[in-house]
Amino acid sequence: MSNLSTSDIKRVQSITSLTDVTPEFEEFIASLPIDVRKSLAASRDVPVDLLVFFSASKSCNIRKLVARNDATPEETLFFLLNDRNKGVIGAVVLRCNASQSLSDKCLSHSNGLVRWFLARNTRSDSVLEVLSRDLSYGVRRQVLHNSLTPASVVERLCGDSHPLVAGEAKMLASGETTAEVLREIYNSER
């Protein structure tokens, strides 16, 4: 917040609830340079309600910074899971390892992209186990791309109904290279 004047800092810090966000305050925030707004969205020292306000920003970069901010309330993260920008969704999912309720919300989310990011980034064996049975073969493939996936899950995915999932699982289980597995999959589909 060092790019703001003392009076502007006091104005930002005066926000204690969303009811304090007046049209004049919105104009003030909009008039700030983008780098200052980004700095505010990333700061742990701003009022929480300002982070909630920024979660509806037109800028996906600001929404992504809000998602990455440890001070952002969980309810706001739940809201950002439905964002139209995959970078914002990915930033929220990266926070799942620190929150069981956020992880649960991601695990049951209807958007396959949320579960895809979760499969790739979770540190939880139980989440990987559930995602390895996901209806989306793309999610199941991402389970294989997670270096923490238990060997038992990899072994079970060797028998997956989708050839890419089964092929990648076999590659992981046997130590073959990607090129060898892709050649085998290609030849088997001819």
N, C-alpha and C. Protein backbone atom coordinates (compact mmCIF):
# COMPACT_ATOMS: atom_id res chain seq x y z
N MET A 1 0.82 -1.20 0.00
CA MET A 1 0.00 0.00 0.00
C MET A 1 0.86 1.25 0.00
N SER A 2 2.16 1.09 -0.21
CA SER A 2 3.08 2.22 -0.17
C SER A 2 2.85 3.20 -1.32
N ASN A 3 2.15 2.79 -2.38
CA ASN A 3 1.90 3.67 -3.52
C ASN A 3 0.75 4.64 -3.25
N LEU A 4 0.08 4.50 -2.12
CA LEU A 4 -1.05 5.35 -1.79
C LEU A 4 -0.62 6.47 -0.85
N SER A 5 -1.33 7.56 -0.95
CA SER A 5 -1.09 8.65 0.00
C SER A 5 -1.66 8.25 1.36
N THR A 6 -1.26 8.95 2.39
CA THR A 6 -1.74 8.66 3.74
C THR A 6 -3.26 8.76 3.81
N SER A 7 -3.83 9.75 3.16
CA SER A 7 -5.29 9.90 3.20
C SER A 7 -5.98 8.76 2.44
N ASP A 8 -5.35 8.30 1.33
CA ASP A 8 -5.92 7.18 0.60
C ASP A 8 -5.84 5.89 1.40
N ILE A 9 -4.75 5.70 2.12
CA ILE A 9 -4.60 4.51 2.98
C ILE A 9 -5.68 4.51 4.04
N LYS A 10 -5.91 5.66 4.66
CA LYS A 10 -6.96 5.76 5.68
C LYS A 10 -8.33 5.48 5.07
N ARG A 11 -8.54 5.93 3.85
CA ARG A 11 -9.82 5.71 3.18
C ARG A 11 -10.04 4.21 2.92
N VAL A 12 -9.00 3.52 2.47
CA VAL A 12 -9.09 2.08 2.23
C VAL A 12 -9.33 1.36 3.55
N GLN A 13 -8.61 1.73 4.58
CA GLN A 13 -8.73 1.05 5.87
C GLN A 13 -10.04 1.37 6.59
N SER A 14 -10.76 2.38 6.11
CA SER A 14 -12.04 2.73 6.73
C SER A 14 -13.14 1.74 6.38
N ILE A 15 -12.89 0.89 5.40
CA ILE A 15 -13.91 -0.10 5.00
C ILE A 15 -13.95 -1.20 6.05
N THR A 16 -15.03 -1.23 6.79
CA THR A 16 -15.18 -2.28 7.80
C THR A 16 -16.28 -3.26 7.43
N SER A 17 -17.10 -2.88 6.46
CA SER A 17 -18.12 -3.81 5.97
C SER A 17 -18.49 -3.40 4.56
N LEU A 18 -19.11 -4.30 3.85
CA LEU A 18 -19.47 -4.01 2.48
C LEU A 18 -20.50 -2.89 2.37
N THR A 19 -21.19 -2.61 3.45
CA THR A 19 -22.14 -1.48 3.42
C THR A 19 -21.40 -0.15 3.36
N ASP A 20 -20.10 -0.17 3.71
CA ASP A 20 -19.28 1.05 3.61
C ASP A 20 -18.83 1.31 2.17
N VAL A 21 -19.03 0.36 1.28
CA VAL A 21 -18.60 0.52 -0.11
C VAL A 21 -19.69 1.29 -0.85
N THR A 22 -19.48 2.57 -0.93
CA THR A 22 -20.42 3.46 -1.60
C THR A 22 -20.03 3.60 -3.06
N PRO A 23 -20.93 4.15 -3.87
CA PRO A 23 -20.55 4.40 -5.27
C PRO A 23 -19.31 5.30 -5.37
N GLU A 24 -19.17 6.24 -4.45
CA GLU A 24 -17.99 7.11 -4.46
C GLU A 24 -16.73 6.31 -4.16
N PHE A 25 -16.84 5.36 -3.22
CA PHE A 25 -15.68 4.53 -2.90
C PHE A 25 -15.32 3.64 -4.10
N GLU A 26 -16.33 3.10 -4.75
CA GLU A 26 -16.08 2.29 -5.94
C GLU A 26 -15.36 3.09 -7.01
N GLU A 27 -15.78 4.35 -7.20
CA GLU A 27 -15.10 5.23 -8.16
C GLU A 27 -13.65 5.48 -7.73
N PHE A 28 -13.46 5.68 -6.43
CA PHE A 28 -12.11 5.90 -5.91
C PHE A 28 -11.23 4.69 -6.22
N ILE A 29 -11.72 3.49 -5.94
CA ILE A 29 -10.95 2.26 -6.20
C ILE A 29 -10.68 2.13 -7.70
N ALA A 30 -11.70 2.39 -8.52
CA ALA A 30 -11.53 2.29 -9.97
C ALA A 30 -10.52 3.30 -10.50
N SER A 31 -10.38 4.42 -9.82
CA SER A 31 -9.44 5.46 -10.28
C SER A 31 -7.99 5.13 -9.94
N LEU A 32 -7.80 4.15 -9.05
CA LEU A 32 -6.43 3.78 -8.68
C LEU A 32 -5.76 3.04 -9.83
N PRO A 33 -4.47 3.23 -10.00
CA PRO A 33 -3.76 2.46 -11.04
C PRO A 33 -3.89 0.96 -10.76
N ILE A 34 -3.85 0.16 -11.82
CA ILE A 34 -4.04 -1.29 -11.69
C ILE A 34 -3.01 -1.90 -10.76
N ASP A 35 -1.78 -1.41 -10.78
CA ASP A 35 -0.75 -1.99 -9.91
C ASP A 35 -1.08 -1.74 -8.43
N VAL A 36 -1.72 -0.62 -8.13
CA VAL A 36 -2.12 -0.33 -6.74
C VAL A 36 -3.28 -1.25 -6.34
N ARG A 37 -4.23 -1.44 -7.27
CA ARG A 37 -5.35 -2.35 -6.96
C ARG A 37 -4.85 -3.78 -6.76
N LYS A 38 -3.87 -4.19 -7.58
CA LYS A 38 -3.28 -5.52 -7.42
C LYS A 38 -2.58 -5.63 -6.07
N SER A 39 -1.88 -4.59 -5.69
CA SER A 39 -1.18 -4.59 -4.41
C SER A 39 -2.18 -4.70 -3.25
N LEU A 40 -3.28 -4.01 -3.36
CA LEU A 40 -4.31 -4.09 -2.32
C LEU A 40 -4.92 -5.50 -2.26
N ALA A 41 -5.20 -6.08 -3.42
CA ALA A 41 -5.80 -7.42 -3.47
C ALA A 41 -4.87 -8.48 -2.89
N ALA A 42 -3.58 -8.25 -2.98
CA ALA A 42 -2.59 -9.22 -2.48
C ALA A 42 -2.22 -8.98 -1.02
N SER A 43 -2.60 -7.83 -0.49
CA SER A 43 -2.18 -7.46 0.87
C SER A 43 -3.00 -8.14 1.95
N ARG A 44 -2.31 -8.60 2.97
CA ARG A 44 -3.00 -9.17 4.13
C ARG A 44 -3.44 -8.07 5.09
N ASP A 45 -3.04 -6.84 4.79
CA ASP A 45 -3.30 -5.72 5.71
C ASP A 45 -4.53 -4.90 5.34
N VAL A 46 -5.29 -5.34 4.34
CA VAL A 46 -6.49 -4.59 3.98
C VAL A 46 -7.70 -5.22 4.68
N PRO A 47 -8.74 -4.46 4.87
CA PRO A 47 -9.95 -5.03 5.47
C PRO A 47 -10.48 -6.20 4.63
N VAL A 48 -10.95 -7.22 5.30
CA VAL A 48 -11.46 -8.42 4.63
C VAL A 48 -12.56 -8.07 3.64
N ASP A 49 -13.41 -7.13 3.99
CA ASP A 49 -14.50 -6.78 3.08
C ASP A 49 -14.01 -6.15 1.79
N LEU A 50 -12.82 -5.58 1.81
CA LEU A 50 -12.25 -5.07 0.56
C LEU A 50 -11.85 -6.24 -0.34
N LEU A 51 -11.36 -7.31 0.27
CA LEU A 51 -11.05 -8.51 -0.51
C LEU A 51 -12.32 -9.10 -1.12
N VAL A 52 -13.39 -9.10 -0.35
CA VAL A 52 -14.68 -9.58 -0.88
C VAL A 52 -15.10 -8.71 -2.05
N PHE A 53 -14.93 -7.39 -1.90
CA PHE A 53 -15.25 -6.45 -2.98
C PHE A 53 -14.42 -6.76 -4.23
N PHE A 54 -13.12 -6.97 -4.03
CA PHE A 54 -12.23 -7.25 -5.16
C PHE A 54 -12.53 -8.60 -5.81
N SER A 55 -13.18 -9.52 -5.12
CA SER A 55 -13.48 -10.83 -5.70
C SER A 55 -14.45 -10.72 -6.87
N ALA A 56 -15.12 -9.58 -6.99
CA ALA A 56 -16.04 -9.34 -8.11
C ALA A 56 -15.44 -8.39 -9.13
N SER A 57 -14.14 -8.16 -9.06
CA SER A 57 -13.46 -7.25 -9.98
C SER A 57 -13.58 -7.74 -11.42
N LYS A 58 -13.54 -6.81 -12.36
CA LYS A 58 -13.54 -7.17 -13.77
C LYS A 58 -12.19 -7.78 -14.17
N SER A 59 -11.16 -7.49 -13.40
CA SER A 59 -9.82 -7.98 -13.72
C SER A 59 -9.60 -9.38 -13.15
N CYS A 60 -9.33 -10.33 -14.03
CA CYS A 60 -9.07 -11.70 -13.55
C CYS A 60 -7.77 -11.73 -12.73
N ASN A 61 -6.84 -10.85 -13.02
CA ASN A 61 -5.60 -10.82 -12.25
C ASN A 61 -5.85 -10.40 -10.80
N ILE A 62 -6.75 -9.46 -10.61
CA ILE A 62 -7.10 -9.05 -9.24
C ILE A 62 -7.85 -10.17 -8.54
N ARG A 63 -8.80 -10.82 -9.24
CA ARG A 63 -9.52 -11.94 -8.62
C ARG A 63 -8.57 -13.07 -8.25
N LYS A 64 -7.57 -13.31 -9.08
CA LYS A 64 -6.58 -14.36 -8.81
C LYS A 64 -5.76 -14.00 -7.56
N LEU A 65 -5.39 -12.73 -7.42
CA LEU A 65 -4.64 -12.30 -6.23
C LEU A 65 -5.50 -12.45 -4.97
N VAL A 66 -6.79 -12.17 -5.09
CA VAL A 66 -7.70 -12.36 -3.94
C VAL A 66 -7.74 -13.85 -3.58
N ALA A 67 -7.80 -14.71 -4.59
CA ALA A 67 -7.84 -16.16 -4.34
C ALA A 67 -6.57 -16.64 -3.65
N ARG A 68 -5.45 -16.06 -3.97
CA ARG A 68 -4.17 -16.45 -3.38
C ARG A 68 -3.94 -15.87 -1.99
N ASN A 69 -4.69 -14.84 -1.65
CA ASN A 69 -4.48 -14.11 -0.39
C ASN A 69 -4.97 -14.95 0.79
N ASP A 70 -4.08 -15.23 1.73
CA ASP A 70 -4.44 -16.03 2.91
C ASP A 70 -5.50 -15.37 3.78
N ALA A 71 -5.69 -14.07 3.63
CA ALA A 71 -6.68 -13.36 4.44
C ALA A 71 -8.09 -13.42 3.85
N THR A 72 -8.21 -13.96 2.65
CA THR A 72 -9.52 -14.03 1.99
C THR A 72 -10.41 -15.04 2.70
N PRO A 73 -11.64 -14.63 3.05
CA PRO A 73 -12.55 -15.56 3.73
C PRO A 73 -12.92 -16.76 2.85
N GLU A 74 -13.15 -17.88 3.50
CA GLU A 74 -13.48 -19.11 2.78
C GLU A 74 -14.73 -18.97 1.91
N GLU A 75 -15.72 -18.23 2.38
CA GLU A 75 -16.95 -18.04 1.59
C GLU A 75 -16.63 -17.35 0.27
N THR A 76 -15.66 -16.44 0.30
CA THR A 76 -15.26 -15.75 -0.92
C THR A 76 -14.54 -16.72 -1.85
N LEU A 77 -13.75 -17.61 -1.29
CA LEU A 77 -13.09 -18.63 -2.10
C LEU A 77 -14.13 -19.55 -2.75
N PHE A 78 -15.19 -19.90 -2.00
CA PHE A 78 -16.26 -20.72 -2.57
C PHE A 78 -16.87 -19.99 -3.78
N PHE A 79 -17.09 -18.68 -3.62
CA PHE A 79 -17.63 -17.85 -4.71
C PHE A 79 -16.69 -17.88 -5.92
N LEU A 80 -15.39 -17.74 -5.68
CA LEU A 80 -14.41 -17.70 -6.77
C LEU A 80 -14.24 -19.05 -7.48
N LEU A 81 -14.67 -20.14 -6.86
CA LEU A 81 -14.62 -21.44 -7.54
C LEU A 81 -15.49 -21.44 -8.80
N ASN A 82 -16.46 -20.55 -8.84
CA ASN A 82 -17.36 -20.47 -9.99
C ASN A 82 -16.93 -19.41 -11.00
N ASP A 83 -15.71 -18.94 -10.87
CA ASP A 83 -15.20 -17.90 -11.76
C ASP A 83 -15.11 -18.43 -13.19
N ARG A 84 -15.16 -17.54 -14.14
CA ARG A 84 -15.07 -17.94 -15.55
C ARG A 84 -13.62 -18.08 -16.01
N ASN A 85 -12.66 -17.66 -15.18
CA ASN A 85 -11.25 -17.71 -15.56
C ASN A 85 -10.57 -18.90 -14.90
N LYS A 86 -9.93 -19.75 -15.69
CA LYS A 86 -9.32 -20.95 -15.12
C LYS A 86 -8.14 -20.63 -14.21
N GLY A 87 -7.47 -19.51 -14.41
CA GLY A 87 -6.38 -19.12 -13.52
C GLY A 87 -6.88 -18.79 -12.12
N VAL A 88 -8.05 -18.18 -12.05
CA VAL A 88 -8.66 -17.87 -10.75
C VAL A 88 -9.07 -19.17 -10.06
N ILE A 89 -9.71 -20.05 -10.81
CA ILE A 89 -10.12 -21.35 -10.25
C ILE A 89 -8.90 -22.11 -9.74
N GLY A 90 -7.86 -22.14 -10.54
CA GLY A 90 -6.63 -22.82 -10.14
C GLY A 90 -6.04 -22.25 -8.86
N ALA A 91 -6.07 -20.92 -8.73
CA ALA A 91 -5.54 -20.28 -7.52
C ALA A 91 -6.35 -20.66 -6.29
N VAL A 92 -7.66 -20.79 -6.45
CA VAL A 92 -8.50 -21.23 -5.32
C VAL A 92 -8.17 -22.67 -4.94
N VAL A 93 -8.09 -23.53 -5.94
CA VAL A 93 -7.85 -24.95 -5.67
C VAL A 93 -6.50 -25.17 -4.99
N LEU A 94 -5.52 -24.34 -5.32
CA LEU A 94 -4.22 -24.47 -4.66
C LEU A 94 -4.31 -24.24 -3.15
N ARG A 95 -5.37 -23.61 -2.71
CA ARG A 95 -5.57 -23.36 -1.28
C ARG A 95 -6.23 -24.55 -0.57
N CYS A 96 -6.66 -25.56 -1.32
CA CYS A 96 -7.40 -26.70 -0.75
C CYS A 96 -6.59 -27.51 0.25
N ASN A 97 -5.29 -27.56 0.10
CA ASN A 97 -4.48 -28.35 1.02
C ASN A 97 -4.48 -27.79 2.43
N ALA A 98 -4.89 -26.53 2.57
CA ALA A 98 -4.92 -25.90 3.89
C ALA A 98 -6.32 -25.88 4.50
N SER A 99 -7.32 -26.34 3.76
CA SER A 99 -8.70 -26.25 4.25
C SER A 99 -9.50 -27.48 3.83
N GLN A 100 -9.92 -28.25 4.80
CA GLN A 100 -10.71 -29.45 4.51
C GLN A 100 -12.06 -29.08 3.89
N SER A 101 -12.70 -28.03 4.40
CA SER A 101 -14.01 -27.68 3.84
C SER A 101 -13.89 -27.18 2.41
N LEU A 102 -12.81 -26.46 2.08
CA LEU A 102 -12.60 -26.01 0.71
C LEU A 102 -12.29 -27.22 -0.18
N SER A 103 -11.50 -28.14 0.33
CA SER A 103 -11.20 -29.37 -0.42
C SER A 103 -12.47 -30.15 -0.70
N ASP A 104 -13.34 -30.28 0.31
CA ASP A 104 -14.62 -30.99 0.13
C ASP A 104 -15.48 -30.31 -0.93
N LYS A 105 -15.49 -28.98 -0.89
CA LYS A 105 -16.28 -28.21 -1.86
C LYS A 105 -15.76 -28.44 -3.28
N CYS A 106 -14.43 -28.47 -3.43
CA CYS A 106 -13.82 -28.71 -4.74
C CYS A 106 -14.10 -30.13 -5.22
N LEU A 107 -14.03 -31.07 -4.30
CA LEU A 107 -14.22 -32.49 -4.63
C LEU A 107 -15.62 -32.76 -5.18
N SER A 108 -16.60 -32.05 -4.67
CA SER A 108 -17.98 -32.28 -5.10
C SER A 108 -18.45 -31.25 -6.13
N HIS A 109 -17.55 -30.41 -6.61
CA HIS A 109 -17.95 -29.34 -7.54
C HIS A 109 -18.37 -29.93 -8.88
N SER A 110 -19.39 -29.33 -9.48
CA SER A 110 -19.91 -29.84 -10.76
C SER A 110 -18.99 -29.49 -11.94
N ASN A 111 -18.13 -28.50 -11.77
CA ASN A 111 -17.21 -28.10 -12.84
C ASN A 111 -16.01 -29.05 -12.84
N GLY A 112 -15.86 -29.80 -13.93
CA GLY A 112 -14.76 -30.74 -14.05
C GLY A 112 -13.39 -30.08 -13.94
N LEU A 113 -13.29 -28.81 -14.34
CA LEU A 113 -12.01 -28.10 -14.25
C LEU A 113 -11.57 -27.94 -12.79
N VAL A 114 -12.51 -27.72 -11.90
CA VAL A 114 -12.19 -27.62 -10.47
C VAL A 114 -11.60 -28.95 -9.99
N ARG A 115 -12.27 -30.05 -10.34
CA ARG A 115 -11.79 -31.36 -9.91
C ARG A 115 -10.46 -31.71 -10.60
N TRP A 116 -10.27 -31.26 -11.85
CA TRP A 116 -9.03 -31.46 -12.59
C TRP A 116 -7.86 -30.80 -11.84
N PHE A 117 -8.04 -29.53 -11.45
CA PHE A 117 -7.00 -28.83 -10.69
C PHE A 117 -6.75 -29.52 -9.35
N LEU A 118 -7.83 -29.95 -8.70
CA LEU A 118 -7.70 -30.62 -7.41
C LEU A 118 -6.90 -31.91 -7.55
N ALA A 119 -7.20 -32.70 -8.58
CA ALA A 119 -6.49 -33.96 -8.78
C ALA A 119 -5.00 -33.73 -8.99
N ARG A 120 -4.67 -32.68 -9.64
CA ARG A 120 -3.27 -32.38 -9.95
C ARG A 120 -2.52 -31.83 -8.73
N ASN A 121 -3.22 -31.22 -7.79
CA ASN A 121 -2.55 -30.47 -6.73
C ASN A 121 -2.78 -30.95 -5.29
N THR A 122 -3.72 -31.86 -5.08
CA THR A 122 -4.00 -32.27 -3.71
C THR A 122 -2.85 -33.08 -3.13
N ARG A 123 -2.75 -33.04 -1.81
CA ARG A 123 -1.77 -33.86 -1.10
C ARG A 123 -2.46 -34.99 -0.32
N SER A 124 -3.75 -35.13 -0.53
CA SER A 124 -4.55 -36.08 0.24
C SER A 124 -4.77 -37.39 -0.52
N ASP A 125 -4.34 -38.49 0.09
CA ASP A 125 -4.56 -39.81 -0.52
C ASP A 125 -6.04 -40.09 -0.71
N SER A 126 -6.86 -39.72 0.28
CA SER A 126 -8.29 -40.01 0.18
C SER A 126 -8.95 -39.21 -0.94
N VAL A 127 -8.52 -37.98 -1.16
CA VAL A 127 -9.06 -37.18 -2.26
C VAL A 127 -8.62 -37.78 -3.59
N LEU A 128 -7.37 -38.21 -3.68
CA LEU A 128 -6.89 -38.84 -4.90
C LEU A 128 -7.65 -40.13 -5.19
N GLU A 129 -7.95 -40.87 -4.16
CA GLU A 129 -8.72 -42.11 -4.32
C GLU A 129 -10.10 -41.81 -4.90
N VAL A 130 -10.79 -40.81 -4.35
CA VAL A 130 -12.12 -40.44 -4.85
C VAL A 130 -12.03 -39.95 -6.30
N LEU A 131 -11.06 -39.07 -6.57
CA LEU A 131 -10.93 -38.50 -7.91
C LEU A 131 -10.51 -39.54 -8.95
N SER A 132 -9.85 -40.60 -8.51
CA SER A 132 -9.45 -41.65 -9.46
C SER A 132 -10.66 -42.41 -9.99
N ARG A 133 -11.82 -42.19 -9.40
CA ARG A 133 -13.06 -42.83 -9.84
C ARG A 133 -14.01 -41.82 -10.48
N ASP A 134 -13.50 -40.61 -10.75
CA ASP A 134 -14.31 -39.54 -11.33
C ASP A 134 -14.84 -39.96 -12.71
N LEU A 135 -16.01 -39.47 -13.08
CA LEU A 135 -16.58 -39.79 -14.39
C LEU A 135 -15.75 -39.22 -15.54
N SER A 136 -15.04 -38.13 -15.28
CA SER A 136 -14.23 -37.50 -16.31
C SER A 136 -12.87 -38.19 -16.43
N TYR A 137 -12.58 -38.69 -17.63
CA TYR A 137 -11.27 -39.34 -17.80
C TYR A 137 -10.14 -38.31 -17.64
N GLY A 138 -10.42 -37.04 -17.95
CA GLY A 138 -9.41 -35.99 -17.77
C GLY A 138 -9.02 -35.82 -16.31
N VAL A 139 -9.99 -35.92 -15.42
CA VAL A 139 -9.70 -35.85 -13.98
C VAL A 139 -8.88 -37.06 -13.56
N ARG A 140 -9.29 -38.25 -14.04
CA ARG A 140 -8.54 -39.47 -13.69
C ARG A 140 -7.10 -39.39 -14.19
N ARG A 141 -6.89 -38.81 -15.38
CA ARG A 141 -5.52 -38.63 -15.90
C ARG A 141 -4.71 -37.71 -14.99
N GLN A 142 -5.35 -36.67 -14.48
CA GLN A 142 -4.63 -35.73 -13.61
C GLN A 142 -4.24 -36.39 -12.29
N VAL A 143 -5.03 -37.34 -11.84
CA VAL A 143 -4.64 -38.11 -10.65
C VAL A 143 -3.29 -38.76 -10.90
N LEU A 144 -3.09 -39.26 -12.11
CA LEU A 144 -1.82 -39.91 -12.46
C LEU A 144 -0.67 -38.90 -12.55
N HIS A 145 -0.99 -37.66 -12.82
CA HIS A 145 0.03 -36.62 -12.93
C HIS A 145 0.43 -36.06 -11.57
N ASN A 146 -0.28 -36.45 -10.54
CA ASN A 146 0.05 -36.02 -9.19
C ASN A 146 1.11 -36.97 -8.62
N SER A 147 2.25 -36.43 -8.28
CA SER A 147 3.37 -37.28 -7.82
C SER A 147 3.09 -37.98 -6.49
N LEU A 148 2.03 -37.57 -5.81
CA LEU A 148 1.70 -38.18 -4.51
C LEU A 148 0.64 -39.29 -4.62
N THR A 149 0.23 -39.62 -5.84
CA THR A 149 -0.79 -40.66 -6.01
C THR A 149 -0.25 -42.00 -5.53
N PRO A 150 -0.98 -42.65 -4.62
CA PRO A 150 -0.53 -43.94 -4.11
C PRO A 150 -0.42 -44.99 -5.22
N ALA A 151 0.52 -45.90 -5.06
CA ALA A 151 0.75 -46.96 -6.04
C ALA A 151 -0.50 -47.80 -6.25
N SER A 152 -1.29 -48.01 -5.20
CA SER A 152 -2.50 -48.81 -5.33
C SER A 152 -3.51 -48.16 -6.28
N VAL A 153 -3.56 -46.84 -6.29
CA VAL A 153 -4.46 -46.12 -7.20
C VAL A 153 -3.93 -46.24 -8.63
N VAL A 154 -2.62 -46.10 -8.80
CA VAL A 154 -2.02 -46.26 -10.14
C VAL A 154 -2.31 -47.65 -10.68
N GLU A 155 -2.13 -48.67 -9.84
CA GLU A 155 -2.37 -50.06 -10.27
C GLU A 155 -3.82 -50.25 -10.71
N ARG A 156 -4.76 -49.70 -9.93
CA ARG A 156 -6.17 -49.85 -10.30
C ARG A 156 -6.47 -49.15 -11.62
N LEU A 157 -5.84 -47.98 -11.84
CA LEU A 157 -6.08 -47.24 -13.08
C LEU A 157 -5.45 -47.90 -14.30
N CYS A 158 -4.60 -48.88 -14.10
CA CYS A 158 -4.06 -49.65 -15.24
C CYS A 158 -5.19 -50.36 -15.98
N GLY A 159 -6.28 -50.62 -15.30
CA GLY A 159 -7.43 -51.28 -15.91
C GLY A 159 -8.56 -50.31 -16.25
N ASP A 160 -8.26 -49.01 -16.31
CA ASP A 160 -9.28 -48.00 -16.60
C ASP A 160 -9.91 -48.24 -17.97
N SER A 161 -11.16 -47.84 -18.10
CA SER A 161 -11.88 -48.02 -19.36
C SER A 161 -11.39 -47.09 -20.47
N HIS A 162 -10.74 -46.00 -20.11
CA HIS A 162 -10.24 -45.07 -21.13
C HIS A 162 -8.79 -45.41 -21.46
N PRO A 163 -8.46 -45.58 -22.76
CA PRO A 163 -7.11 -46.02 -23.13
C PRO A 163 -5.99 -45.07 -22.70
N LEU A 164 -6.24 -43.77 -22.69
CA LEU A 164 -5.19 -42.84 -22.26
C LEU A 164 -4.89 -42.99 -20.77
N VAL A 165 -5.94 -43.14 -19.98
CA VAL A 165 -5.75 -43.31 -18.54
C VAL A 165 -5.04 -44.63 -18.27
N ALA A 166 -5.54 -45.69 -18.86
CA ALA A 166 -4.93 -47.01 -18.65
C ALA A 166 -3.48 -47.01 -19.13
N GLY A 167 -3.23 -46.41 -20.28
CA GLY A 167 -1.88 -46.36 -20.82
C GLY A 167 -0.91 -45.59 -19.95
N GLU A 168 -1.34 -44.43 -19.47
CA GLU A 168 -0.47 -43.64 -18.59
C GLU A 168 -0.24 -44.36 -17.27
N ALA A 169 -1.28 -45.02 -16.77
CA ALA A 169 -1.11 -45.76 -15.51
C ALA A 169 -0.12 -46.90 -15.69
N LYS A 170 -0.22 -47.59 -16.81
CA LYS A 170 0.73 -48.68 -17.08
C LYS A 170 2.15 -48.14 -17.20
N MET A 171 2.28 -46.98 -17.83
CA MET A 171 3.59 -46.35 -17.95
C MET A 171 4.18 -46.06 -16.57
N LEU A 172 3.36 -45.47 -15.71
CA LEU A 172 3.83 -45.16 -14.36
C LEU A 172 4.19 -46.43 -13.59
N ALA A 173 3.36 -47.44 -13.74
CA ALA A 173 3.58 -48.69 -13.00
C ALA A 173 4.83 -49.43 -13.49
N SER A 174 5.13 -49.31 -14.79
CA SER A 174 6.24 -50.09 -15.35
C SER A 174 7.53 -49.29 -15.54
N GLY A 175 7.43 -47.96 -15.51
CA GLY A 175 8.61 -47.13 -15.71
C GLY A 175 8.91 -46.85 -17.18
N GLU A 176 7.98 -47.19 -18.09
CA GLU A 176 8.18 -46.91 -19.52
C GLU A 176 8.18 -45.40 -19.76
N THR A 177 8.73 -45.02 -20.92
CA THR A 177 8.73 -43.60 -21.27
C THR A 177 7.40 -43.23 -21.91
N THR A 178 7.10 -41.96 -21.92
CA THR A 178 5.86 -41.47 -22.51
C THR A 178 5.75 -41.86 -23.98
N ALA A 179 6.86 -41.73 -24.72
CA ALA A 179 6.83 -42.04 -26.16
C ALA A 179 6.46 -43.50 -26.40
N GLU A 180 7.00 -44.42 -25.59
CA GLU A 180 6.68 -45.84 -25.75
C GLU A 180 5.21 -46.10 -25.50
N VAL A 181 4.67 -45.50 -24.46
CA VAL A 181 3.26 -45.70 -24.13
C VAL A 181 2.36 -45.11 -25.20
N LEU A 182 2.67 -43.90 -25.67
CA LEU A 182 1.85 -43.27 -26.70
C LEU A 182 1.89 -44.10 -27.99
N ARG A 183 3.01 -44.64 -28.32
CA ARG A 183 3.12 -45.50 -29.50
C ARG A 183 2.23 -46.73 -29.34
N GLU A 184 2.26 -47.32 -28.15
CA GLU A 184 1.44 -48.50 -27.88
C GLU A 184 -0.05 -48.17 -27.96
N ILE A 185 -0.45 -47.03 -27.40
CA ILE A 185 -1.86 -46.61 -27.44
C ILE A 185 -2.28 -46.35 -28.88
N TYR A 186 -1.43 -45.65 -29.64
CA TYR A 186 -1.74 -45.35 -31.03
C TYR A 186 -1.91 -46.63 -31.84
N ASN A 187 -1.00 -47.55 -31.67
CA ASN A 187 -1.06 -48.81 -32.42
C ASN A 187 -2.27 -49.66 -32.03
N SER A 188 -2.69 -49.59 -30.76
CA SER A 188 -3.83 -50.40 -30.32
C SER A 188 -5.16 -49.83 -30.81
N GLU A 189 -5.19 -48.54 -31.17
CA GLU A 189 -6.44 -47.91 -31.63
C GLU A 189 -6.61 -48.01 -33.13
N ARG A 190 -5.66 -48.56 -33.83
CA ARG A 190 -5.75 -48.69 -35.30
C ARG A 190 -6.60 -49.85 -35.71
